[in-house]
Amino acid sequence: METIKKEKQFDAVKMMRDIRNKISAETQNMTFEELKAYIQQQLADNQTKLIGR
């Protein structure tokens, strides 16, 4: 049986890894308070609502 390989137009796993690596690089030396402020700022910038609110 022969396997047919398709090229992906969009690789969700690669995108998630790239995003995670970018966030890790930006936050690697932050204190807990700085990290909380970073998260709040990112949520505000993207107008994202927390789940349940």
Protein backbone atom coordinates (compact mmCIF):
# COMPACT_ATOMS: atom_id res chain seq x y z
CA MET A 1 0.00 0.00 0.00
CA GLU A 2 1.38 3.36 -1.01
CA THR A 3 1.15 6.43 1.23
CA ILE A 4 0.08 9.66 -0.39
CA LYS A 5 1.78 12.70 1.10
CA LYS A 6 0.15 16.10 0.83
CA GLU A 7 1.90 19.36 1.51
CA LYS A 8 0.25 21.35 4.24
CA GLN A 9 -0.96 24.82 3.44
CA PHE A 10 -1.19 25.64 7.15
CA ASP A 11 0.77 23.96 9.94
CA ALA A 12 -1.00 24.59 13.26
CA VAL A 13 1.66 22.82 15.32
CA LYS A 14 4.44 25.00 13.85
CA MET A 15 2.36 28.14 14.45
CA MET A 16 1.74 27.17 18.09
CA ARG A 17 5.44 26.44 18.67
CA ASP A 18 6.45 29.76 17.10
CA ILE A 19 3.97 31.68 19.29
CA ARG A 20 5.07 29.82 22.42
CA ASN A 21 8.74 30.48 21.67
CA LYS A 22 8.08 34.19 21.10
CA ILE A 23 6.18 34.53 24.39
CA SER A 24 8.85 32.56 26.27
CA ALA A 25 11.58 34.84 24.91
CA GLU A 26 9.63 37.98 25.87
CA THR A 27 8.86 36.79 29.41
CA GLN A 28 11.89 34.70 30.38
CA ASN A 29 13.34 37.07 33.00
CA MET A 30 10.11 38.58 34.33
CA THR A 31 8.98 38.45 37.91
CA PHE A 32 5.52 37.16 38.72
CA GLU A 33 4.18 40.72 38.99
CA GLU A 34 5.74 41.68 35.64
CA LEU A 35 4.27 38.56 34.06
CA LYS A 36 0.79 39.39 35.35
CA ALA A 37 1.12 42.92 33.94
CA TYR A 38 2.36 41.51 30.61
CA ILE A 39 -0.64 39.18 30.36
CA GLN A 40 -3.09 41.97 31.23
CA GLN A 41 -1.49 44.23 28.62
CA GLN A 42 -1.67 41.54 25.93
CA LEU A 43 -5.34 40.90 26.73
CA ALA A 44 -6.11 44.63 26.56
CA ASP A 45 -4.17 45.12 23.31
CA ASN A 46 -6.01 42.25 21.63
CA GLN A 47 -9.35 43.09 23.23
CA THR A 48 -9.59 39.52 24.47
CA LYS A 49 -12.12 38.62 27.13
CA LEU A 50 -11.28 36.08 29.79
CA ILE A 51 -13.44 32.97 29.78
CA GLY A 52 -16.33 33.31 32.21
CA ARG A 53 -16.33 37.10 32.23
